[in-house]
């Protein structure tokens, strides 16, 4: 048996799998993000660990298992945690979404060059980069900065807590903007500018490498009697792609959670003008020898929740009366055909390909006949238009996407999946296992202990698909014209914003 432990932004999930990818049990526990002025987004790292330990023990114990061969870990990207030599947090985790390190990002860009850093590390200087957060920690809490034995991401932090070494996998290391893209080694010049040396960071190891065994106290609490190995996992988006069967160039996965991420793998490191201008990162994939990139829409499922809570009070009551999920009810009631109605989903700035943090949302095309079903359809369509623009930007970067997998909460809506297939004009397939990040981590763990000869063989064994949505030619043609109209809205709104 294998366990995938997924450390997300708002909760930890443990999933127990057999070696065919069948889910035997799951456990989930939520935790908080602490928000504040200036873009603050912190987290109690020790609290995250307590939740991770709780779900791990609960998932294993609920199966009555006595042995688990290995555990792999999928983690949220970019967070930074100061730790002591024992791996205990000395301060809060600064999350990837904590943008207080913007000045540090500008300092890196001014010193080393924005374009040059992208070619060197695969990352454009941005406040989400881990090395900028380490430099900001020096300003935030000088005493903690000086006394910390190391600065960890959630990858090496959770590894230490489980009983493993202070090790960071290649996918997470290459997201820090402190690691050379080609060699995947710490860049001493960039580290020095950030105020640290490589001994204060985790050792870099490939994803799918054994780094220790589960501590005896956790094993005892879970009821395990055998030895359980701990494996390096990876960035959650990379693990989700692996768990969704994205193994080759031309394949991609759309993960719709709080945000919506459109990911694909690359054969080689790619830092061309198209990638740079579209703000697409390039970093190591969890697949050996492969690289990874993604587009990002900051607003995914959270915008649907906003719409539901703001506009759908009567619909919620009716769905409850019928014993239906509200989103299933909205799917059934929405207009059958697209209209010239657009909801620009830049409610927290725009993601790629513009990365305009000053952008705001807008509803364009309202008439007196517009109702909730029309707005709901426009919401699903407009988020997918954003994917289409990024699909084009991928193409301009030399990345040809031919098939798409869908995971996350958005993959539960058959209507939205068909809209995606029609607008993107690509087949969209749905994996059997909805827990793709945890599955990807488990596949890496199985590879680490030699259950199969390669990560790809493990994915072939554990990943399956239950349905594929084909584009409807008539609807795809209609959406081609509507996409052209949508394309012009953001530039027009930007001009208006600058003039007002």
Protein backbone atom coordinates (compact mmCIF):
# COMPACT_ATOMS: atom_id res chain seq x y z
CA UNK A 1 0.00 0.00 0.00
CA UNK A 2 1.07 3.57 -0.72
CA UNK A 3 0.06 6.91 0.78
CA UNK A 4 -0.06 10.27 -0.94
CA UNK A 5 0.01 13.20 1.48
CA UNK A 6 -1.12 16.46 -0.12
CA UNK A 7 -0.25 19.69 1.73
CA UNK A 8 -2.47 22.33 0.11
CA UNK A 9 -2.88 26.01 0.84
CA UNK A 10 -6.02 25.56 2.95
CA UNK A 11 -5.94 21.93 4.02
CA UNK A 12 -4.06 18.63 4.26
CA UNK A 13 -5.30 15.40 2.70
CA UNK A 14 -3.98 11.86 3.03
CA UNK A 15 -5.04 9.18 0.57
CA UNK A 16 -4.24 5.46 0.84
CA UNK A 17 -3.88 3.63 -2.51
CA UNK A 18 -3.21 0.09 -3.56
CA UNK A 19 -0.62 -0.39 -6.30
CA UNK A 20 -3.31 -0.26 -9.01
CA UNK A 21 -4.38 3.26 -8.02
CA UNK A 22 -7.57 2.28 -6.19
CA UNK A 23 -8.43 4.66 -3.34
CA UNK A 24 -8.78 2.74 -0.07
CA UNK A 25 -9.33 5.68 2.28
CA UNK A 26 -9.01 9.44 2.53
CA UNK A 27 -8.83 11.96 5.34
CA UNK A 28 -8.87 15.75 5.18
CA UNK A 29 -8.42 18.58 7.67
CA UNK A 30 -8.65 22.29 6.97
CA UNK A 31 -6.34 24.99 8.31
CA UNK A 32 -6.21 28.75 8.08
CA UNK A 33 -4.39 31.33 6.01
CA UNK A 34 -3.68 34.45 8.08
CA UNK A 35 -4.21 37.53 5.91
CA UNK A 36 -3.30 41.11 6.70
CA UNK A 37 -2.21 44.47 5.29
CA UNK A 38 0.31 44.83 2.50
CA UNK A 39 -0.50 41.47 0.95
CA UNK A 40 0.32 39.45 4.07
CA UNK A 41 -0.49 35.73 3.79
CA UNK A 42 1.00 33.68 6.60
CA UNK A 43 0.37 30.27 8.06
CA UNK A 44 1.08 28.46 11.31
CA UNK A 45 3.49 25.86 9.91
CA UNK A 46 3.37 23.74 13.06
CA UNK A 47 -0.43 23.81 12.83
CA UNK A 48 -0.19 22.60 9.24
CA UNK A 49 2.04 19.76 10.41
CA UNK A 50 -0.43 18.80 13.14
CA UNK A 51 -3.18 18.60 10.53
CA UNK A 52 -0.94 16.60 8.19
CA UNK A 53 -0.09 14.14 10.95
CA UNK A 54 -3.75 13.83 11.94
CA UNK A 55 -4.98 13.00 8.44
CA UNK A 56 -2.08 10.63 7.79
CA UNK A 57 -2.80 8.63 10.94
CA UNK A 58 -6.57 8.72 10.36
CA UNK A 59 -6.37 7.55 6.73
CA UNK A 60 -4.05 4.64 7.56
CA UNK A 61 -5.89 3.60 10.72
CA UNK A 62 -9.29 3.64 8.99
CA UNK A 63 -8.05 0.90 6.63
CA UNK A 64 -6.81 -1.25 9.49
CA UNK A 65 -3.47 -1.59 7.73
CA UNK A 66 -0.41 -2.99 9.47
CA UNK A 67 2.01 -2.10 6.69
CA UNK A 68 2.37 0.80 4.28
CA UNK A 69 5.32 0.52 1.91
CA UNK A 70 5.95 4.21 1.29
CA UNK A 71 4.65 7.76 1.65
CA UNK A 72 5.08 10.53 -0.93
CA UNK A 73 4.28 14.18 -0.33
CA UNK A 74 2.76 16.79 -2.64
CA UNK A 75 3.09 20.37 -1.37
CA UNK A 76 1.97 23.91 -2.11
CA UNK A 77 4.71 25.90 -3.77
CA UNK A 78 6.92 28.79 -2.73
CA UNK A 79 6.18 29.09 1.01
CA UNK A 80 9.17 29.77 3.28
CA UNK A 81 9.51 28.57 6.90
CA UNK A 82 12.42 29.40 9.26
CA UNK A 83 13.35 26.27 11.23
CA UNK A 84 15.77 25.20 13.95
CA UNK A 85 18.13 22.22 13.64
CA UNK A 86 15.40 19.83 14.77
CA UNK A 87 13.04 21.05 12.04
CA UNK A 88 10.75 23.05 14.32
CA UNK A 89 9.28 26.26 12.91
CA UNK A 90 10.67 29.44 14.47
CA UNK A 91 8.10 31.70 12.83
CA UNK A 92 5.15 31.65 10.46
CA UNK A 93 5.29 30.31 6.94
CA UNK A 94 5.23 33.11 4.37
CA UNK A 95 3.00 31.67 1.65
CA UNK A 96 3.45 31.99 -2.08
CA UNK A 97 0.52 34.42 -2.14
CA UNK A 98 2.26 36.70 0.41
CA UNK A 99 3.42 39.58 -1.79
CA UNK A 100 5.14 41.69 0.85
CA UNK A 101 8.46 40.69 -0.69
CA UNK A 102 7.75 42.72 -3.84
CA UNK A 103 10.61 45.13 -3.05
CA UNK A 104 12.97 42.18 -2.67
CA UNK A 105 11.84 40.87 -6.07
CA UNK A 106 12.55 44.27 -7.62
CA UNK A 107 15.97 44.30 -5.97
CA UNK A 108 16.82 40.96 -7.58
CA UNK A 109 15.57 42.21 -10.96
CA UNK A 110 17.54 45.46 -10.72
CA UNK A 111 20.73 43.65 -9.73
CA UNK A 112 20.66 40.62 -12.02
CA UNK A 113 18.20 41.61 -14.75
CA UNK A 114 14.63 40.39 -15.19
CA UNK A 115 15.25 38.57 -18.48
CA UNK A 116 18.61 37.25 -17.33
CA UNK A 117 17.13 35.76 -14.16
CA UNK A 118 14.45 34.04 -16.22
CA UNK A 119 17.07 32.40 -18.44
CA UNK A 120 19.20 31.53 -15.43
CA UNK A 121 16.50 30.12 -13.13
CA UNK A 122 13.33 29.69 -15.22
CA UNK A 123 11.57 32.20 -12.96
CA UNK A 124 10.80 35.86 -13.58
CA UNK A 125 11.47 37.94 -10.45
CA UNK A 126 8.24 38.07 -8.48
CA UNK A 127 7.15 38.28 -4.86
CA UNK A 128 6.02 34.65 -4.96
CA UNK A 129 9.61 33.41 -5.40
CA UNK A 130 10.94 31.76 -2.24
CA UNK A 131 14.30 33.54 -2.29
CA UNK A 132 12.57 36.93 -2.18
CA UNK A 133 10.65 35.81 0.91
CA UNK A 134 13.87 34.76 2.62
CA UNK A 135 15.31 38.22 1.97
CA UNK A 136 12.07 39.79 3.25
CA UNK A 137 12.26 37.69 6.43
CA UNK A 138 15.46 39.57 7.25
CA UNK A 139 13.37 42.77 7.35
CA UNK A 140 10.31 41.18 8.97
CA UNK A 141 12.12 39.51 11.87
CA UNK A 142 15.91 40.03 11.94
CA UNK A 143 16.36 37.89 15.04
CA UNK A 144 14.60 34.87 13.53
CA UNK A 145 16.50 35.40 10.29
CA UNK A 146 19.84 35.25 12.10
CA UNK A 147 19.02 32.37 14.47
CA UNK A 148 17.24 30.06 12.00
CA UNK A 149 19.30 27.00 11.15
CA UNK A 150 17.58 26.82 7.79
CA UNK A 151 14.76 28.11 5.62
CA UNK A 152 12.48 25.33 4.43
CA UNK A 153 9.67 24.97 1.95
CA UNK A 154 6.81 22.70 2.91
CA UNK A 155 8.63 19.90 1.03
CA UNK A 156 11.63 19.72 3.36
CA UNK A 157 9.63 20.85 6.42
CA UNK A 158 7.15 17.95 6.16
CA UNK A 159 9.93 15.51 5.22
CA UNK A 160 11.75 16.30 8.47
CA UNK A 161 8.55 16.04 10.51
CA UNK A 162 7.79 12.60 9.06
CA UNK A 163 11.25 11.38 10.04
CA UNK A 164 13.22 11.99 6.86
CA UNK A 165 16.24 14.10 6.02
CA UNK A 166 16.16 17.86 5.37
CA UNK A 167 15.74 17.34 1.64
CA UNK A 168 13.97 19.36 -1.04
CA UNK A 169 12.98 17.76 -4.33
CA UNK A 170 14.08 19.16 -7.68
CA UNK A 171 10.65 20.50 -8.65
CA UNK A 172 10.36 22.60 -5.49
CA UNK A 173 14.01 23.70 -5.51
CA UNK A 174 13.76 24.93 -9.08
CA UNK A 175 10.74 27.10 -8.19
CA UNK A 176 12.69 29.17 -5.64
CA UNK A 177 14.57 31.44 -8.13
CA UNK A 178 17.68 30.42 -6.20
CA UNK A 179 18.47 27.37 -8.31
CA UNK A 180 20.08 27.11 -11.75
CA UNK A 181 17.58 25.72 -14.22
CA UNK A 182 19.84 23.41 -16.20
CA UNK A 183 21.96 21.91 -13.40
CA UNK A 184 19.35 22.11 -10.62
CA UNK A 185 21.94 23.25 -8.09
CA UNK A 186 21.77 26.14 -5.64
CA UNK A 187 23.11 29.35 -7.19
CA UNK A 188 25.57 30.74 -4.64
CA UNK A 189 25.54 34.26 -6.10
CA UNK A 190 21.75 34.52 -5.82
CA UNK A 191 21.82 32.99 -2.34
CA UNK A 192 24.40 35.54 -1.21
CA UNK A 193 22.18 38.37 -2.44
CA UNK A 194 19.34 36.79 -0.43
CA UNK A 195 21.56 36.81 2.63
CA UNK A 196 22.06 33.07 3.08
CA UNK A 197 24.33 30.18 2.15
CA UNK A 198 23.41 26.79 0.74
CA UNK A 199 23.88 25.04 4.11
CA UNK A 200 20.73 26.87 5.26
CA UNK A 201 18.64 25.23 2.53
CA UNK A 202 17.64 21.62 1.96
CA UNK A 203 19.74 19.17 0.01
CA UNK A 204 18.35 18.83 -3.52
CA UNK A 205 17.31 15.30 -4.53
CA UNK A 206 15.23 14.03 -7.47
CA UNK A 207 11.53 13.45 -6.96
CA UNK A 208 10.89 9.79 -6.18
CA UNK A 209 13.94 9.28 -3.93
CA UNK A 210 13.90 7.52 -0.55
CA UNK A 211 14.98 9.97 2.18
CA UNK A 212 14.26 8.03 5.36
CA UNK A 213 11.54 6.07 7.11
CA UNK A 214 8.46 7.08 9.04
CA UNK A 215 9.20 7.92 12.66
CA UNK A 216 8.31 5.21 15.16
CA UNK A 217 5.86 7.36 17.13
CA UNK A 218 3.77 8.21 14.05
CA UNK A 219 3.89 4.60 12.86
CA UNK A 220 2.76 3.39 16.28
CA UNK A 221 -0.10 5.91 16.39
CA UNK A 222 -1.28 4.76 12.95
CA UNK A 223 -1.10 1.10 14.00
CA UNK A 224 1.75 0.19 11.64
CA UNK A 225 4.16 -2.58 12.53
CA UNK A 226 6.46 -2.59 9.50
CA UNK A 227 8.91 -0.03 8.13
CA UNK A 228 7.39 2.71 5.96
CA UNK A 229 9.75 4.56 3.64
CA UNK A 230 9.50 8.30 3.00
CA UNK A 231 9.97 9.52 -0.57
CA UNK A 232 10.54 12.93 -2.05
CA UNK A 233 7.43 14.08 -3.87
CA UNK A 234 7.05 17.44 -5.53
CA UNK A 235 5.23 20.67 -6.20
CA UNK A 236 1.49 20.03 -6.06
CA UNK A 237 0.91 21.09 -9.66
CA UNK A 238 3.58 18.68 -10.92
CA UNK A 239 2.18 15.86 -8.78
CA UNK A 240 -1.35 16.63 -9.99
CA UNK A 241 -0.18 16.48 -13.60
CA UNK A 242 1.49 13.12 -12.98
CA UNK A 243 -1.64 11.83 -11.22
CA UNK A 244 -3.73 13.00 -14.19
CA UNK A 245 -1.61 11.10 -16.71
CA UNK A 246 0.25 14.10 -18.16
CA UNK A 247 3.43 12.27 -19.14
CA UNK A 248 4.42 13.72 -22.52
CA UNK A 249 4.58 17.04 -24.38
CA UNK A 250 1.22 17.80 -25.98
CA UNK A 251 -0.69 16.68 -22.89
CA UNK A 252 -1.96 19.16 -20.31
CA UNK A 253 -4.09 19.29 -17.18
CA UNK A 254 -6.53 21.94 -15.98
CA UNK A 255 -6.76 21.95 -12.19
CA UNK A 256 -9.73 23.97 -10.93
CA UNK A 257 -9.61 24.63 -7.23
CA UNK A 258 -9.49 28.01 -5.51
CA UNK A 259 -7.47 29.13 -8.54
CA UNK A 260 -7.32 27.55 -11.99
CA UNK A 261 -3.97 26.22 -13.20
CA UNK A 262 -3.28 24.98 -16.75
CA UNK A 263 -0.13 22.83 -16.74
CA UNK A 264 1.96 20.88 -19.21
CA UNK A 265 5.33 19.14 -19.36
CA UNK A 266 8.27 20.06 -21.56
CA UNK A 267 11.05 17.94 -23.06
CA UNK A 268 13.70 20.57 -22.37
CA UNK A 269 14.26 23.79 -20.47
CA UNK A 270 12.46 26.54 -22.40
CA UNK A 271 12.99 30.24 -21.73
CA UNK A 272 12.12 31.79 -25.10
CA UNK A 273 10.48 35.16 -25.67
CA UNK A 274 6.97 33.68 -25.69
CA UNK A 275 7.47 32.09 -22.29
CA UNK A 276 9.00 35.26 -20.88
CA UNK A 277 6.37 37.65 -22.22
CA UNK A 278 3.50 35.44 -21.04
CA UNK A 279 4.97 35.04 -17.52
CA UNK A 280 5.13 31.25 -17.90
CA UNK A 281 7.65 29.70 -15.48
CA UNK A 282 9.95 26.85 -16.44
CA UNK A 283 11.12 24.43 -13.79
CA UNK A 284 11.85 20.76 -13.17
CA UNK A 285 8.99 18.29 -13.43
CA UNK A 286 8.67 15.32 -11.08
CA UNK A 287 9.16 13.13 -14.17
CA UNK A 288 12.89 12.41 -14.58
CA UNK A 289 14.48 14.55 -17.28
CA UNK A 290 11.34 16.60 -17.96
CA UNK A 291 10.46 20.24 -17.31
CA UNK A 292 7.18 21.88 -16.40
CA UNK A 293 5.22 25.07 -16.99
CA UNK A 294 1.76 26.40 -16.32
CA UNK A 295 -0.62 29.29 -16.81
CA UNK A 296 -2.50 30.70 -13.85
CA UNK A 297 -5.87 32.32 -13.29
CA UNK A 298 -5.88 33.55 -9.67
CA UNK A 299 -9.65 33.05 -9.52
CA UNK A 300 -11.19 29.63 -10.16
CA UNK A 301 -13.69 27.97 -7.87
CA UNK A 302 -13.57 30.90 -5.47
CA UNK A 303 -15.34 33.04 -8.09
CA UNK A 304 -18.14 30.50 -8.36
CA UNK A 305 -18.52 30.65 -4.58
CA UNK A 306 -18.66 34.46 -4.71
CA UNK A 307 -21.34 34.29 -7.40
CA UNK A 308 -23.35 31.72 -5.44
CA UNK A 309 -23.19 33.65 -2.17
CA UNK A 310 -23.84 37.05 -3.75
CA UNK A 311 -26.57 36.33 -6.31
CA UNK A 312 -28.05 32.86 -5.79
CA UNK A 313 -30.04 32.99 -2.54
CA UNK A 314 -33.29 31.79 -4.18
CA UNK A 315 -31.43 29.17 -6.18
CA UNK A 316 -29.76 27.84 -3.02
CA UNK A 317 -33.17 27.49 -1.36
CA UNK A 318 -34.61 25.69 -4.39
CA UNK A 319 -31.60 23.37 -4.65
CA UNK A 320 -31.95 22.49 -0.97
CA UNK A 321 -35.68 21.85 -1.43
CA UNK A 322 -34.87 19.41 -4.23
CA UNK A 323 -31.98 17.83 -2.32
CA UNK A 324 -29.48 18.92 -4.98
CA UNK A 325 -26.00 20.36 -4.91
CA UNK A 326 -26.27 24.06 -5.77
CA UNK A 327 -23.76 23.86 -8.62
CA UNK A 328 -25.55 20.86 -10.12
CA UNK A 329 -28.77 22.85 -9.90
CA UNK A 330 -27.15 25.84 -11.63
CA UNK A 331 -25.72 23.54 -14.32
CA UNK A 332 -29.20 22.22 -15.07
CA UNK A 333 -30.81 25.65 -15.14
CA UNK A 334 -28.26 27.61 -17.16
CA UNK A 335 -28.92 28.82 -20.67
CA UNK A 336 -28.25 26.16 -23.33
CA UNK A 337 -26.48 28.48 -25.77
CA UNK A 338 -23.68 31.04 -25.45
CA UNK A 339 -24.50 34.74 -25.58
CA UNK A 340 -22.52 37.95 -25.90
CA UNK A 341 -22.21 38.14 -22.13
CA UNK A 342 -18.80 38.10 -20.49
CA UNK A 343 -17.58 38.11 -16.88
CA UNK A 344 -13.91 39.04 -16.81
CA UNK A 345 -12.58 36.97 -13.86
CA UNK A 346 -9.85 39.38 -12.78
CA UNK A 347 -11.30 39.77 -9.28
CA UNK A 348 -7.83 39.48 -7.72
CA UNK A 349 -5.76 40.85 -10.57
CA UNK A 350 -5.18 38.96 -13.80
CA UNK A 351 -3.06 35.87 -14.13
CA UNK A 352 -1.11 34.86 -17.20
CA UNK A 353 -0.56 35.91 -19.91
CA UNK A 354 -0.82 39.51 -18.57
CA UNK A 355 -0.03 39.19 -14.84
CA UNK A 356 -1.60 42.59 -14.14
CA UNK A 357 -2.19 42.76 -10.40
CA UNK A 358 -4.12 46.04 -10.83
CA UNK A 359 -6.70 44.45 -13.14
CA UNK A 360 -10.25 44.18 -11.84
CA UNK A 361 -13.28 42.08 -12.73
CA UNK A 362 -16.09 43.25 -14.98
CA UNK A 363 -19.43 42.09 -16.37
CA UNK A 364 -19.90 43.11 -20.01
CA UNK A 365 -23.07 42.67 -22.05
CA UNK A 366 -25.86 42.99 -19.48
CA UNK A 367 -29.41 43.60 -20.70
CA UNK A 368 -32.80 43.68 -18.97
CA UNK A 369 -33.34 40.07 -20.03
CA UNK A 370 -30.15 38.81 -18.34
CA UNK A 371 -30.88 36.36 -15.54
CA UNK A 372 -28.96 34.18 -13.11
CA UNK A 373 -28.74 31.23 -15.57
CA UNK A 374 -27.19 33.54 -18.19
CA UNK A 375 -24.68 34.97 -15.72
CA UNK A 376 -23.72 31.51 -14.51
CA UNK A 377 -23.02 30.29 -18.04
CA UNK A 378 -21.04 33.46 -18.79
CA UNK A 379 -18.97 32.83 -15.68
CA UNK A 380 -18.00 29.32 -16.80
CA UNK A 381 -17.35 30.48 -20.35
CA UNK A 382 -15.27 33.50 -19.41
CA UNK A 383 -12.97 31.49 -17.16
CA UNK A 384 -12.52 29.13 -20.09
CA UNK A 385 -11.80 32.03 -22.47
CA UNK A 386 -8.89 32.81 -20.14
CA UNK A 387 -7.67 29.25 -20.66
CA UNK A 388 -8.03 29.69 -24.42
CA UNK A 389 -5.87 32.83 -24.40
CA UNK A 390 -3.22 30.95 -22.46
CA UNK A 391 -3.52 28.01 -24.86
CA UNK A 392 -2.69 30.45 -27.67
CA UNK A 393 0.22 31.85 -25.64
CA UNK A 394 1.52 28.33 -25.14
CA UNK A 395 1.39 27.87 -28.90
CA UNK A 396 3.32 31.10 -29.45
CA UNK A 397 5.96 29.69 -27.08
CA UNK A 398 6.30 26.53 -29.17
CA UNK A 399 4.12 24.40 -26.87
CA UNK A 400 1.45 22.48 -28.79
CA UNK A 401 -1.33 21.18 -26.52
CA UNK A 402 -3.39 18.40 -28.10
CA UNK A 403 -5.25 16.78 -25.20
CA UNK A 404 -6.35 18.02 -21.79
CA UNK A 405 -7.16 16.30 -18.50
CA UNK A 406 -9.40 18.01 -15.94
CA UNK A 407 -9.06 17.64 -12.17
CA UNK A 408 -10.24 19.47 -9.07
CA UNK A 409 -13.70 20.69 -8.16
CA UNK A 410 -14.39 22.00 -11.66
CA UNK A 411 -14.09 18.49 -13.09
CA UNK A 412 -17.32 17.50 -11.30
CA UNK A 413 -19.42 19.58 -13.72
CA UNK A 414 -20.12 17.75 -16.97
CA UNK A 415 -21.54 20.95 -18.46
CA UNK A 416 -18.40 22.96 -17.69
CA UNK A 417 -16.20 20.17 -19.07
CA UNK A 418 -18.16 20.26 -22.34
CA UNK A 419 -17.82 24.05 -22.44
CA UNK A 420 -14.06 23.62 -21.99
CA UNK A 421 -13.90 21.09 -24.83
CA UNK A 422 -15.90 23.40 -27.11
CA UNK A 423 -14.02 26.63 -26.38
CA UNK A 424 -10.55 25.05 -26.34
CA UNK A 425 -11.47 22.80 -29.28
CA UNK A 426 -9.60 19.93 -27.66
CA UNK A 427 -10.76 16.66 -26.09
CA UNK A 428 -11.04 16.91 -22.31
CA UNK A 429 -10.71 13.72 -20.28
CA UNK A 430 -11.49 13.05 -16.62
CA UNK A 431 -9.29 10.73 -14.53
CA UNK A 432 -10.87 7.99 -12.43
CA UNK A 433 -9.12 9.25 -9.30
CA UNK A 434 -10.10 12.81 -8.36
CA UNK A 435 -7.18 13.12 -5.90
CA UNK A 436 -4.56 13.61 -8.60
CA UNK A 437 -1.93 15.43 -6.50
CA UNK A 438 -2.00 12.73 -3.81
CA UNK A 439 -1.96 10.05 -6.51
CA UNK A 440 1.07 11.65 -8.16
CA UNK A 441 2.90 11.68 -4.81
CA UNK A 442 2.01 8.01 -4.26
CA UNK A 443 3.29 7.09 -7.73
CA UNK A 444 6.62 8.76 -6.89
CA UNK A 445 6.75 6.86 -3.59
CA UNK A 446 6.15 3.57 -5.39
CA UNK A 447 8.91 4.36 -7.86
CA UNK A 448 11.28 5.27 -5.02
CA UNK A 449 10.99 1.81 -3.44
CA UNK A 450 11.14 -0.06 -6.75
CA UNK A 451 7.53 -1.19 -7.12
CA UNK A 452 8.00 -0.49 -10.82
CA UNK A 453 10.92 0.26 -13.07
CA UNK A 454 10.09 3.93 -13.67
CA UNK A 455 7.75 6.74 -12.72
CA UNK A 456 6.07 6.41 -16.13
CA UNK A 457 5.39 2.71 -15.55
CA UNK A 458 3.85 3.57 -12.19
CA UNK A 459 1.61 6.18 -13.81
CA UNK A 460 0.55 3.74 -16.52
CA UNK A 461 -0.42 1.28 -13.79
CA UNK A 462 -2.19 3.67 -11.40
CA UNK A 463 -3.83 6.33 -13.61
CA UNK A 464 -7.04 5.64 -15.51
CA UNK A 465 -9.76 7.74 -17.16
CA UNK A 466 -13.52 7.48 -16.85
CA UNK A 467 -14.81 9.84 -19.55
CA UNK A 468 -13.68 12.02 -22.44
CA UNK A 469 -15.55 15.09 -23.73
CA UNK A 470 -15.15 15.78 -27.44
CA UNK A 471 -15.58 19.27 -28.93
CA UNK A 472 -18.87 19.93 -30.70
CA UNK A 473 -17.95 21.43 -34.08
CA UNK A 474 -20.99 23.74 -34.22
CA UNK A 475 -20.46 25.10 -30.71
CA UNK A 476 -16.70 25.39 -31.23
CA UNK A 477 -17.38 27.59 -34.27
CA UNK A 478 -19.68 29.87 -32.26
CA UNK A 479 -17.10 30.20 -29.52
CA UNK A 480 -14.37 31.17 -31.99
CA UNK A 481 -16.20 34.43 -32.70
CA UNK A 482 -17.02 35.06 -29.05
CA UNK A 483 -13.39 34.51 -28.07
CA UNK A 484 -12.37 37.26 -30.48
CA UNK A 485 -14.77 39.63 -28.72
CA UNK A 486 -13.54 38.54 -25.28
CA UNK A 487 -9.93 39.09 -26.35
CA UNK A 488 -10.47 42.83 -26.66
CA UNK A 489 -12.14 43.40 -23.28
CA UNK A 490 -9.10 43.37 -20.97
CA UNK A 491 -7.07 45.86 -23.06
CA UNK A 492 -10.11 48.16 -23.23
CA UNK A 493 -10.64 47.94 -19.47
CA UNK A 494 -6.96 48.65 -18.86
CA UNK A 495 -7.10 51.79 -21.01
CA UNK A 496 -10.24 52.91 -19.19
CA UNK A 497 -8.64 52.27 -15.80
CA UNK A 498 -5.61 54.34 -16.74
CA UNK A 499 -7.75 57.22 -18.02
CA UNK A 500 -10.15 57.45 -15.07
